[in-house]
Amino acid sequence: MKKHVSSAWFLLVLVVVIWSANWPIMKIGLRSIDPWGFTVARLAIALVAISILLLCMGQFKRPHKQDLPIVFSVGILLFAAFVIFIHEGLAHVNAGRAALLSYTTPLWVAPGAYFFLKEKITRFKLIGLSLGLCGLIILFNPLSFDWGNSEVAKGNILLVMAAVVWAASIVHVRSHQWQGSVLSLTPWQILVALVVVLPLAWFADTRPTQWSGELVLILLYNGMLATGLAQWASMRITQLLPAVTVSIGFLLVPVAGILLSSIWLGEPFTVVLATGMALIICSLLFQINWRKFKER
């Protein structure tokens, strides 16, 4: 079990690197493709890539009947709703702020984990959660929003909704009694997402795609790494670590995302951002239980 937990922390670092880099990458991609087209493309690429991998491994198989609830919930919530919410929101909000808003997940996971998973909120978890939320409050400054702009308001709301649906997915993944492996179920979950998204994309108000080599690379990165590899890893992490720990661990994504967006896209980096991010990093250290203090 200790080995599995160590691998979970390694996967967490991998996910943070892939997803944090993806925020400015997605922002650049959305200049050339609309949010619905982006969503369909990344899901389709992820489905093909993971299916080929499983076929080569000889592990491609139909999901067990008992796994159907997790196939549908993760497919609809995590692969469909979460992805389209962040794409639509990112089209109207700076990449750094978008990363922050969509990662307010601990606000919604903590009560869900307490009531539905019966996870004990220990002293260290409470301190870590409090520090993380203080960091989010500092970074999340509603007074700085241009609420008079309906598109900006819509973007902010969609990004918070993304955090809510992801939190619901984390709680279900943590509570589900898995029969198949996370990897073997992933293509079916993506297929469910495509079935949901395709008809909606058909009727959505879209714009022509401006194809280029850069856009192709962005779509491949999103499909194979950000959706395929990282989403699988995130579910595996959720299986192995407590839900609150997972949600706070993922707070490193907006921290790194804000830094990368500042470097790549020229988005402003202020003292307020630095303070908020420092609190979030401290919250993660409490979750890791860095010095292995024991709860008295």
C-alpha atoms as a PDB file:
ATOM      1  CA  MET A   1       0.000   0.000   0.000  1.00  0.00           C
ATOM      2  CA  LYS A   2       2.886   2.351   0.820  1.00  0.00           C
ATOM      3  CA  LYS A   3       4.273   1.752  -2.685  1.00  0.00           C
ATOM      4  CA  HIS A   4       0.896   2.610  -4.211  1.00  0.00           C
ATOM      5  CA  VAL A   5       0.699   5.841  -2.206  1.00  0.00           C
ATOM      6  CA  SER A   6       4.200   6.817  -3.368  1.00  0.00           C
ATOM      7  CA  SER A   7       3.172   6.195  -6.973  1.00  0.00           C
ATOM      8  CA  ALA A   8       0.102   8.370  -6.385  1.00  0.00           C
ATOM      9  CA  TRP A   9       2.296  11.316  -5.392  1.00  0.00           C
ATOM     10  CA  PHE A  10       4.460  10.758  -8.491  1.00  0.00           C
ATOM     11  CA  LEU A  11       1.339  10.755 -10.661  1.00  0.00           C
ATOM     12  CA  LEU A  12       0.171  13.929  -8.918  1.00  0.00           C
ATOM     13  CA  VAL A  13       3.378  15.718  -9.940  1.00  0.00           C
ATOM     14  CA  LEU A  14       2.950  14.440 -13.515  1.00  0.00           C
ATOM     15  CA  VAL A  15      -0.647  15.666 -13.674  1.00  0.00           C
ATOM     16  CA  VAL A  16       0.295  19.077 -12.262  1.00  0.00           C
ATOM     17  CA  VAL A  17       2.982  19.534 -14.937  1.00  0.00           C
ATOM     18  CA  ILE A  18       0.697  18.490 -17.820  1.00  0.00           C
ATOM     19  CA  TRP A  19      -2.391  20.414 -16.701  1.00  0.00           C
ATOM     20  CA  SER A  20      -0.650  23.606 -15.581  1.00  0.00           C
ATOM     21  CA  ALA A  21       1.136  23.918 -18.935  1.00  0.00           C
ATOM     22  CA  ASN A  22      -2.159  23.278 -20.682  1.00  0.00           C
ATOM     23  CA  TRP A  23      -3.875  26.463 -19.492  1.00  0.00           C
ATOM     24  CA  PRO A  24      -1.841  28.853 -21.662  1.00  0.00           C
ATOM     25  CA  ILE A  25      -1.757  26.173 -24.375  1.00  0.00           C
ATOM     26  CA  MET A  26      -5.573  25.983 -24.432  1.00  0.00           C
ATOM     27  CA  LYS A  27      -5.837  29.780 -24.459  1.00  0.00           C
ATOM     28  CA  ILE A  28      -3.625  29.886 -27.548  1.00  0.00           C
ATOM     29  CA  GLY A  29      -5.593  27.075 -29.198  1.00  0.00           C
ATOM     30  CA  LEU A  30      -8.926  28.827 -28.664  1.00  0.00           C
ATOM     31  CA  ARG A  31      -7.730  31.638 -30.907  1.00  0.00           C
ATOM     32  CA  SER A  32      -8.006  29.201 -33.830  1.00  0.00           C
ATOM     33  CA  ILE A  33     -10.853  26.857 -32.859  1.00  0.00           C
ATOM     34  CA  ASP A  34     -14.145  27.350 -31.016  1.00  0.00           C
ATOM     35  CA  PRO A  35     -14.710  25.706 -27.582  1.00  0.00           C
ATOM     36  CA  TRP A  36     -17.065  23.001 -28.898  1.00  0.00           C
ATOM     37  CA  GLY A  37     -14.777  21.997 -31.733  1.00  0.00           C
ATOM     38  CA  PHE A  38     -11.853  21.946 -29.301  1.00  0.00           C
ATOM     39  CA  THR A  39     -13.773  19.659 -26.947  1.00  0.00           C
ATOM     40  CA  VAL A  40     -14.817  17.204 -29.674  1.00  0.00           C
ATOM     41  CA  ALA A  41     -11.298  17.077 -31.130  1.00  0.00           C
ATOM     42  CA  ARG A  42      -9.504  16.433 -27.834  1.00  0.00           C
ATOM     43  CA  LEU A  43     -12.013  13.764 -26.778  1.00  0.00           C
ATOM     44  CA  ALA A  44     -11.791  11.999 -30.150  1.00  0.00           C
ATOM     45  CA  ILE A  45      -7.982  12.010 -30.089  1.00  0.00           C
ATOM     46  CA  ALA A  46      -7.945  10.739 -26.499  1.00  0.00           C
ATOM     47  CA  LEU A  47     -10.406   7.950 -27.352  1.00  0.00           C
ATOM     48  CA  VAL A  48      -8.331   6.737 -30.304  1.00  0.00           C
ATOM     49  CA  ALA A  49      -5.023   6.936 -28.402  1.00  0.00           C
ATOM     50  CA  ILE A  50      -6.213   5.066 -25.305  1.00  0.00           C
ATOM     51  CA  SER A  51      -8.101   2.454 -27.338  1.00  0.00           C
ATOM     52  CA  ILE A  52      -4.986   1.695 -29.404  1.00  0.00           C
ATOM     53  CA  LEU A  53      -2.919   1.447 -26.212  1.00  0.00           C
ATOM     54  CA  LEU A  54      -5.363  -1.002 -24.618  1.00  0.00           C
ATOM     55  CA  LEU A  55      -5.581  -3.081 -27.809  1.00  0.00           C
ATOM     56  CA  CYS A  56      -1.780  -3.348 -27.911  1.00  0.00           C
ATOM     57  CA  MET A  57      -1.796  -4.385 -24.247  1.00  0.00           C
ATOM     58  CA  GLY A  58      -4.572  -6.912 -24.864  1.00  0.00           C
ATOM     59  CA  GLN A  59      -6.718  -5.215 -22.206  1.00  0.00           C
ATOM     60  CA  PHE A  60      -9.474  -3.639 -24.302  1.00  0.00           C
ATOM     61  CA  LYS A  61     -12.750  -5.046 -22.981  1.00  0.00           C
ATOM     62  CA  ARG A  62     -16.315  -4.085 -22.222  1.00  0.00           C
ATOM     63  CA  PRO A  63     -16.958  -2.593 -18.783  1.00  0.00           C
ATOM     64  CA  HIS A  64     -18.405  -4.752 -16.035  1.00  0.00           C
ATOM     65  CA  LYS A  65     -22.065  -4.110 -15.253  1.00  0.00           C
ATOM     66  CA  GLN A  66     -21.174  -2.861 -11.770  1.00  0.00           C
ATOM     67  CA  ASP A  67     -18.849  -0.257 -13.317  1.00  0.00           C
ATOM     68  CA  LEU A  68     -21.515   1.292 -15.541  1.00  0.00           C
ATOM     69  CA  PRO A  69     -22.425   3.995 -12.965  1.00  0.00           C
ATOM     70  CA  ILE A  70     -18.814   5.234 -12.854  1.00  0.00           C
ATOM     71  CA  VAL A  71     -18.547   5.018 -16.647  1.00  0.00           C
ATOM     72  CA  PHE A  72     -21.538   7.311 -17.089  1.00  0.00           C
ATOM     73  CA  SER A  73     -20.819   9.690 -14.192  1.00  0.00           C
ATOM     74  CA  VAL A  74     -17.163  10.254 -15.087  1.00  0.00           C
ATOM     75  CA  GLY A  75     -17.991  10.420 -18.785  1.00  0.00           C
ATOM     76  CA  ILE A  76     -20.700  13.036 -18.306  1.00  0.00           C
ATOM     77  CA  LEU A  77     -19.202  15.038 -15.424  1.00  0.00           C
ATOM     78  CA  LEU A  78     -15.437  14.884 -15.926  1.00  0.00           C
ATOM     79  CA  PHE A  79     -14.914  14.299 -19.637  1.00  0.00           C
ATOM     80  CA  ALA A  80     -17.945  16.171 -21.015  1.00  0.00           C
ATOM     81  CA  ALA A  81     -19.188  18.877 -18.620  1.00  0.00           C
ATOM     82  CA  PHE A  82     -15.836  19.801 -17.053  1.00  0.00           C
ATOM     83  CA  VAL A  83     -14.022  20.058 -20.388  1.00  0.00           C
ATOM     84  CA  ILE A  84     -16.675  22.119 -22.178  1.00  0.00           C
ATOM     85  CA  PHE A  85     -17.090  24.395 -19.143  1.00  0.00           C
ATOM     86  CA  ILE A  86     -13.366  25.209 -19.028  1.00  0.00           C
ATOM     87  CA  HIS A  87     -13.178  25.710 -22.799  1.00  0.00           C
ATOM     88  CA  GLU A  88     -16.182  28.037 -22.846  1.00  0.00           C
ATOM     89  CA  GLY A  89     -14.969  29.888 -19.745  1.00  0.00           C
ATOM     90  CA  LEU A  90     -11.400  30.184 -20.996  1.00  0.00           C
ATOM     91  CA  ALA A  91     -12.665  31.845 -24.169  1.00  0.00           C
ATOM     92  CA  HIS A  92     -13.708  34.867 -22.046  1.00  0.00           C
ATOM     93  CA  VAL A  93     -11.300  34.826 -19.070  1.00  0.00           C
ATOM     94  CA  ASN A  94      -7.500  35.096 -18.729  1.00  0.00           C
ATOM     95  CA  ALA A  95      -5.783  31.697 -18.557  1.00  0.00           C
ATOM     96  CA  GLY A  96      -4.380  32.238 -15.048  1.00  0.00           C
ATOM     97  CA  ARG A  97      -7.708  33.297 -13.554  1.00  0.00           C
ATOM     98  CA  ALA A  98      -9.491  30.502 -15.439  1.00  0.00           C
ATOM     99  CA  ALA A  99      -7.146  27.926 -13.909  1.00  0.00           C
ATOM    100  CA  LEU A 100      -7.805  29.381 -10.464  1.00  0.00           C
ATOM    101  CA  LEU A 101     -11.602  29.424 -10.712  1.00  0.00           C
ATOM    102  CA  SER A 102     -11.894  25.895 -12.063  1.00  0.00           C
ATOM    103  CA  TYR A 103      -9.696  24.633  -9.209  1.00  0.00           C
ATOM    104  CA  THR A 104     -11.870  25.906  -6.385  1.00  0.00           C
ATOM    105  CA  THR A 105     -12.692  22.195  -6.100  1.00  0.00           C
ATOM    106  CA  PRO A 106     -11.750  21.888  -2.367  1.00  0.00           C
ATOM    107  CA  LEU A 107     -14.654  24.193  -1.523  1.00  0.00           C
ATOM    108  CA  TRP A 108     -17.016  21.545  -2.877  1.00  0.00           C
ATOM    109  CA  VAL A 109     -15.073  18.320  -2.189  1.00  0.00           C
ATOM    110  CA  ALA A 110     -14.613  18.821   1.564  1.00  0.00           C
ATOM    111  CA  PRO A 111     -18.334  18.710   2.497  1.00  0.00           C
ATOM    112  CA  GLY A 112     -18.961  15.942  -0.036  1.00  0.00           C
ATOM    113  CA  ALA A 113     -16.139  13.805   1.353  1.00  0.00           C
ATOM    114  CA  TYR A 114     -17.332  14.389   4.913  1.00  0.00           C
ATOM    115  CA  PHE A 115     -21.003  13.553   4.319  1.00  0.00           C
ATOM    116  CA  PHE A 116     -20.798  10.895   1.593  1.00  0.00           C
ATOM    117  CA  LEU A 117     -17.401   9.261   2.164  1.00  0.00           C
ATOM    118  CA  LYS A 118     -17.277   9.707   5.946  1.00  0.00           C
ATOM    119  CA  GLU A 119     -13.700  10.958   5.633  1.00  0.00           C
ATOM    120  CA  LYS A 120     -12.427  12.387   8.881  1.00  0.00           C
ATOM    121  CA  ILE A 121     -11.367  16.028   8.649  1.00  0.00           C
ATOM    122  CA  THR A 122      -8.216  15.821  10.790  1.00  0.00           C
ATOM    123  CA  ARG A 123      -6.405  18.775  12.294  1.00  0.00           C
ATOM    124  CA  PHE A 124      -3.768  18.771   9.562  1.00  0.00           C
ATOM    125  CA  LYS A 125      -6.397  18.496   6.816  1.00  0.00           C
ATOM    126  CA  LEU A 126      -8.371  21.346   8.353  1.00  0.00           C
ATOM    127  CA  ILE A 127      -5.285  23.563   8.588  1.00  0.00           C
ATOM    128  CA  GLY A 128      -4.283  22.652   5.043  1.00  0.00           C
ATOM    129  CA  LEU A 129      -7.787  23.288   3.736  1.00  0.00           C
ATOM    130  CA  SER A 130      -7.995  26.620   5.573  1.00  0.00           C
ATOM    131  CA  LEU A 131      -4.648  27.799   4.186  1.00  0.00           C
ATOM    132  CA  GLY A 132      -5.612  26.722   0.689  1.00  0.00           C
ATOM    133  CA  LEU A 133      -8.961  28.478   0.864  1.00  0.00           C
ATOM    134  CA  CYS A 134      -7.322  31.642   2.224  1.00  0.00           C
ATOM    135  CA  GLY A 135      -5.030  31.553  -0.782  1.00  0.00           C
ATOM    136  CA  LEU A 136      -8.010  31.140  -3.088  1.00  0.00           C
ATOM    137  CA  ILE A 137      -9.874  34.018  -1.419  1.00  0.00           C
ATOM    138  CA  ILE A 138      -6.865  36.285  -1.950  1.00  0.00           C
ATOM    139  CA  LEU A 139      -6.506  35.222  -5.581  1.00  0.00           C
ATOM    140  CA  PHE A 140     -10.233  35.100  -6.266  1.00  0.00           C
ATOM    141  CA  ASN A 141     -11.127  38.776  -6.135  1.00  0.00           C
ATOM    142  CA  PRO A 142     -14.660  39.270  -7.489  1.00  0.00           C
ATOM    143  CA  LEU A 143     -14.207  43.051  -7.270  1.00  0.00           C
ATOM    144  CA  SER A 144     -11.696  42.801 -10.116  1.00  0.00           C
ATOM    145  CA  PHE A 145     -14.231  41.147 -12.453  1.00  0.00           C
ATOM    146  CA  ASP A 146     -15.843  43.150 -15.209  1.00  0.00           C
ATOM    147  CA  TRP A 147     -19.334  42.006 -14.221  1.00  0.00           C
ATOM    148  CA  GLY A 148     -20.838  44.531 -16.635  1.00  0.00           C
ATOM    149  CA  ASN A 149     -19.498  42.395 -19.475  1.00  0.00           C
ATOM    150  CA  SER A 150     -21.964  39.507 -19.813  1.00  0.00           C
ATOM    151  CA  GLU A 151     -19.420  37.299 -21.602  1.00  0.00           C
ATOM    152  CA  VAL A 152     -16.848  37.731 -18.816  1.00  0.00           C
ATOM    153  CA  ALA A 153     -19.502  37.007 -16.166  1.00  0.00           C
ATOM    154  CA  LYS A 154     -20.580  33.919 -18.115  1.00  0.00           C
ATOM    155  CA  GLY A 155     -16.967  32.741 -18.309  1.00  0.00           C
ATOM    156  CA  ASN A 156     -16.413  33.105 -14.561  1.00  0.00           C
ATOM    157  CA  ILE A 157     -19.637  31.252 -13.731  1.00  0.00           C
ATOM    158  CA  LEU A 158     -18.835  28.387 -16.121  1.00  0.00           C
ATOM    159  CA  LEU A 159     -15.379  27.953 -14.586  1.00  0.00           C
ATOM    160  CA  VAL A 160     -16.829  27.702 -11.073  1.00  0.00           C
ATOM    161  CA  MET A 161     -19.381  25.191 -12.409  1.00  0.00           C
ATOM    162  CA  ALA A 162     -16.430  23.186 -13.759  1.00  0.00           C
ATOM    163  CA  ALA A 163     -15.032  23.001 -10.221  1.00  0.00           C
ATOM    164  CA  VAL A 164     -18.387  21.784  -8.877  1.00  0.00           C
ATOM    165  CA  VAL A 165     -18.802  18.954 -11.410  1.00  0.00           C
ATOM    166  CA  TRP A 166     -15.188  17.882 -10.879  1.00  0.00           C
ATOM    167  CA  ALA A 167     -15.775  17.741  -7.125  1.00  0.00           C
ATOM    168  CA  ALA A 168     -18.814  15.512  -7.653  1.00  0.00           C
ATOM    169  CA  SER A 169     -16.702  13.255  -9.864  1.00  0.00           C
ATOM    170  CA  ILE A 170     -13.948  13.002  -7.230  1.00  0.00           C
ATOM    171  CA  VAL A 171     -16.428  11.953  -4.553  1.00  0.00           C
ATOM    172  CA  HIS A 172     -17.981   9.282  -6.799  1.00  0.00           C
ATOM    173  CA  VAL A 173     -14.614   7.922  -7.991  1.00  0.00           C
ATOM    174  CA  ARG A 174     -13.511   7.660  -4.367  1.00  0.00           C
ATOM    175  CA  SER A 175     -16.670   5.842  -3.241  1.00  0.00           C
ATOM    176  CA  HIS A 176     -17.149   3.489  -6.213  1.00  0.00           C
ATOM    177  CA  GLN A 177     -16.305  -0.211  -5.864  1.00  0.00           C
ATOM    178  CA  TRP A 178     -14.235  -0.707  -9.013  1.00  0.00           C
ATOM    179  CA  GLN A 179     -14.397  -4.020 -10.860  1.00  0.00           C
ATOM    180  CA  GLY A 180     -12.263  -3.043 -13.852  1.00  0.00           C
ATOM    181  CA  SER A 181      -9.114  -0.931 -13.847  1.00  0.00           C
ATOM    182  CA  VAL A 182      -9.224   2.828 -14.273  1.00  0.00           C
ATOM    183  CA  LEU A 183      -7.396   2.542 -17.601  1.00  0.00           C
ATOM    184  CA  SER A 184      -9.728  -0.123 -19.019  1.00  0.00           C
ATOM    185  CA  LEU A 185     -12.782   2.044 -18.283  1.00  0.00           C
ATOM    186  CA  THR A 186     -11.331   5.313 -19.580  1.00  0.00           C
ATOM    187  CA  PRO A 187     -12.163   4.817 -23.300  1.00  0.00           C
ATOM    188  CA  TRP A 188     -15.766   3.995 -22.437  1.00  0.00           C
ATOM    189  CA  GLN A 189     -16.016   7.105 -20.274  1.00  0.00           C
ATOM    190  CA  ILE A 190     -14.645   9.228 -23.128  1.00  0.00           C
ATOM    191  CA  LEU A 191     -17.091   7.554 -25.530  1.00  0.00           C
ATOM    192  CA  VAL A 192     -19.980   8.539 -23.247  1.00  0.00           C
ATOM    193  CA  ALA A 193     -18.646  12.105 -23.232  1.00  0.00           C
ATOM    194  CA  LEU A 194     -18.500  12.181 -27.032  1.00  0.00           C
ATOM    195  CA  VAL A 195     -22.065  10.880 -27.295  1.00  0.00           C
ATOM    196  CA  VAL A 196     -23.154  13.755 -25.029  1.00  0.00           C
ATOM    197  CA  VAL A 197     -21.024  16.489 -26.607  1.00  0.00           C
ATOM    198  CA  LEU A 198     -21.405  15.724 -30.341  1.00  0.00           C
ATOM    199  CA  PRO A 199     -25.120  16.568 -30.707  1.00  0.00           C
ATOM    200  CA  LEU A 200     -24.677  19.689 -28.559  1.00  0.00           C
ATOM    201  CA  ALA A 201     -21.711  20.789 -30.674  1.00  0.00           C
ATOM    202  CA  TRP A 202     -23.787  20.259 -33.825  1.00  0.00           C
ATOM    203  CA  PHE A 203     -26.324  22.884 -32.703  1.00  0.00           C
ATOM    204  CA  ALA A 204     -23.803  25.229 -31.054  1.00  0.00           C
ATOM    205  CA  ASP A 205     -22.945  28.576 -32.602  1.00  0.00           C
ATOM    206  CA  THR A 206     -19.434  27.821 -33.846  1.00  0.00           C
ATOM    207  CA  ARG A 207     -16.883  29.629 -35.991  1.00  0.00           C
ATOM    208  CA  PRO A 208     -14.635  28.237 -38.769  1.00  0.00           C
ATOM    209  CA  THR A 209     -11.455  26.546 -37.550  1.00  0.00           C
ATOM    210  CA  GLN A 210      -8.157  28.125 -38.618  1.00  0.00           C
ATOM    211  CA  TRP A 211      -5.996  25.057 -39.134  1.00  0.00           C
ATOM    212  CA  SER A 212      -2.227  25.246 -38.642  1.00  0.00           C
ATOM    213  CA  GLY A 213       0.629  23.067 -37.474  1.00  0.00           C
ATOM    214  CA  GLU A 214       0.477  24.800 -34.096  1.00  0.00           C
ATOM    215  CA  LEU A 215      -3.207  23.960 -33.666  1.00  0.00           C
ATOM    216  CA  VAL A 216      -2.606  20.306 -34.572  1.00  0.00           C
ATOM    217  CA  LEU A 217       0.116  20.057 -31.911  1.00  0.00           C
ATOM    218  CA  ILE A 218      -2.162  21.742 -29.358  1.00  0.00           C
ATOM    219  CA  LEU A 219      -4.977  19.279 -30.098  1.00  0.00           C
ATOM    220  CA  LEU A 220      -2.594  16.301 -29.870  1.00  0.00           C
ATOM    221  CA  TYR A 221      -1.254  17.572 -26.533  1.00  0.00           C
ATOM    222  CA  ASN A 222      -4.777  18.010 -25.201  1.00  0.00           C
ATOM    223  CA  GLY A 223      -6.057  14.697 -26.509  1.00  0.00           C
ATOM    224  CA  MET A 224      -3.152  12.391 -25.688  1.00  0.00           C
ATOM    225  CA  LEU A 225      -1.683  14.028 -22.584  1.00  0.00           C
ATOM    226  CA  ALA A 226      -4.133  16.443 -20.949  1.00  0.00           C
ATOM    227  CA  THR A 227      -7.224  14.277 -21.545  1.00  0.00           C
ATOM    228  CA  GLY A 228      -5.904  10.741 -21.978  1.00  0.00           C
ATOM    229  CA  LEU A 229      -2.864  10.328 -19.728  1.00  0.00           C
ATOM    230  CA  ALA A 230      -3.602  13.029 -17.151  1.00  0.00           C
ATOM    231  CA  GLN A 231      -7.294  12.209 -16.681  1.00  0.00           C
ATOM    232  CA  TRP A 232      -6.448   8.530 -16.177  1.00  0.00           C
ATOM    233  CA  ALA A 233      -3.729   9.505 -13.686  1.00  0.00           C
ATOM    234  CA  SER A 234      -6.086  11.853 -11.827  1.00  0.00           C
ATOM    235  CA  MET A 235      -8.640   9.069 -11.324  1.00  0.00           C
ATOM    236  CA  ARG A 236      -5.895   6.691 -10.180  1.00  0.00           C
ATOM    237  CA  ILE A 237      -4.709   9.320  -7.689  1.00  0.00           C
ATOM    238  CA  THR A 238      -8.272   9.731  -6.431  1.00  0.00           C
ATOM    239  CA  GLN A 239      -8.457   5.981  -5.808  1.00  0.00           C
ATOM    240  CA  LEU A 240      -5.288   5.987  -3.695  1.00  0.00           C
ATOM    241  CA  LEU A 241      -5.434   9.258  -1.737  1.00  0.00           C
ATOM    242  CA  PRO A 242      -8.183  10.868   0.387  1.00  0.00           C
ATOM    243  CA  ALA A 243     -10.549  13.095  -1.589  1.00  0.00           C
ATOM    244  CA  VAL A 244      -9.697  16.303   0.292  1.00  0.00           C
ATOM    245  CA  THR A 245      -5.957  15.626  -0.097  1.00  0.00           C
ATOM    246  CA  VAL A 246      -6.418  15.091  -3.836  1.00  0.00           C
ATOM    247  CA  SER A 247      -8.411  18.274  -4.347  1.00  0.00           C
ATOM    248  CA  ILE A 248      -5.882  20.377  -2.432  1.00  0.00           C
ATOM    249  CA  GLY A 249      -2.960  18.676  -4.200  1.00  0.00           C
ATOM    250  CA  PHE A 250      -4.437  19.730  -7.519  1.00  0.00           C
ATOM    251  CA  LEU A 251      -4.308  23.360  -6.330  1.00  0.00           C
ATOM    252  CA  LEU A 252      -0.716  23.344  -7.557  1.00  0.00           C
ATOM    253  CA  VAL A 253      -2.120  23.362 -11.104  1.00  0.00           C
ATOM    254  CA  PRO A 254      -3.507  26.928 -10.968  1.00  0.00           C
ATOM    255  CA  VAL A 255      -0.391  28.052  -9.087  1.00  0.00           C
ATOM    256  CA  ALA A 256       1.852  26.836 -11.905  1.00  0.00           C
ATOM    257  CA  GLY A 257      -0.761  27.802 -14.492  1.00  0.00           C
ATOM    258  CA  ILE A 258      -0.725  31.437 -13.346  1.00  0.00           C
ATOM    259  CA  LEU A 259       3.078  31.523 -13.512  1.00  0.00           C
ATOM    260  CA  LEU A 260       3.187  29.974 -16.994  1.00  0.00           C
ATOM    261  CA  SER A 261       0.394  32.229 -18.250  1.00  0.00           C
ATOM    262  CA  SER A 262       2.363  35.227 -17.019  1.00  0.00           C
ATOM    263  CA  ILE A 263       5.489  34.020 -18.824  1.00  0.00           C
ATOM    264  CA  TRP A 264       3.917  32.775 -22.077  1.00  0.00           C
ATOM    265  CA  LEU A 265       0.961  35.108 -22.496  1.00  0.00           C
ATOM    266  CA  GLY A 266       2.171  38.204 -20.661  1.00  0.00           C
ATOM    267  CA  GLU A 267      -0.671  38.092 -18.124  1.00  0.00           C
ATOM    268  CA  PRO A 268       0.067  40.305 -15.063  1.00  0.00           C
ATOM    269  CA  PHE A 269       1.767  38.722 -12.027  1.00  0.00           C
ATOM    270  CA  THR A 270       1.294  40.708  -8.820  1.00  0.00           C
ATOM    271  CA  VAL A 271       2.160  40.586  -5.111  1.00  0.00           C
ATOM    272  CA  VAL A 272      -1.415  39.453  -4.449  1.00  0.00           C
ATOM    273  CA  LEU A 273      -0.916  36.473  -6.752  1.00  0.00           C
ATOM    274  CA  ALA A 274       2.383  35.593  -5.067  1.00  0.00           C
ATOM    275  CA  THR A 275       0.791  35.741  -1.589  1.00  0.00           C
ATOM    276  CA  GLY A 276      -2.145  33.571  -2.581  1.00  0.00           C
ATOM    277  CA  MET A 277       0.071  30.995  -4.221  1.00  0.00           C
ATOM    278  CA  ALA A 278       2.362  30.825  -1.171  1.00  0.00           C
ATOM    279  CA  LEU A 279      -0.637  29.978   1.023  1.00  0.00           C
ATOM    280  CA  ILE A 280      -1.736  27.263  -1.399  1.00  0.00           C
ATOM    281  CA  ILE A 281       1.732  25.678  -1.388  1.00  0.00           C
ATOM    282  CA  CYS A 282       1.719  25.697   2.437  1.00  0.00           C
ATOM    283  CA  SER A 283      -1.680  24.004   2.391  1.00  0.00           C
ATOM    284  CA  LEU A 284      -0.261  21.215   0.238  1.00  0.00           C
ATOM    285  CA  LEU A 285       2.617  20.645   2.667  1.00  0.00           C
ATOM    286  CA  PHE A 286       0.106  20.043   5.461  1.00  0.00           C
ATOM    287  CA  GLN A 287      -1.741  17.553   3.255  1.00  0.00           C
ATOM    288  CA  ILE A 288       1.441  15.625   2.507  1.00  0.00           C
ATOM    289  CA  ASN A 289       2.079  15.563   6.266  1.00  0.00           C
ATOM    290  CA  TRP A 290       5.633  16.514   5.379  1.00  0.00           C
ATOM    291  CA  ARG A 291       7.227  15.768   8.740  1.00  0.00           C
ATOM    292  CA  LYS A 292       4.906  12.859   9.451  1.00  0.00           C
ATOM    293  CA  PHE A 293       3.378  14.476  12.504  1.00  0.00           C
ATOM    294  CA  LYS A 294       0.660  12.364  14.057  1.00  0.00           C
ATOM    295  CA  GLU A 295      -2.740  13.589  15.012  1.00  0.00           C
ATOM    296  CA  ARG A 296      -3.075  13.665  18.807  1.00  0.00           C
END
